[in-house]
Amino acid sequence: MDLGVRWLRALFSWSLVRKDGSWTYYENRVTGQRRCRWDGSRYSHVDYDYIRPGDIVEGPFGREVVPDIVNVAAD
């Protein structure tokens, strides 16, 4: 598939997976990337069993990419 078409499809292929507490979880059907977004209602913990290294968390302190915990601990 053409890279430009794949990139364009990836922009519009985010689907809602679930809402848990004050976090809403999404997954991109083309790239497989996962994202969670804080809705601002209250504080609760992110489900790191669902979020993988390299995924995006948009929380109360801004946007961050989840680090690879295994490699960080080994250093």
Foldseek 3Di string as FASTA:
>chain_A
DDPVVLVVLQVPQWDWDDDDDQKTKIAGPRPRAIEIEGNPPDDDDDDVVPHDAQHWYQYPVGIDGHHHVVVVVVD
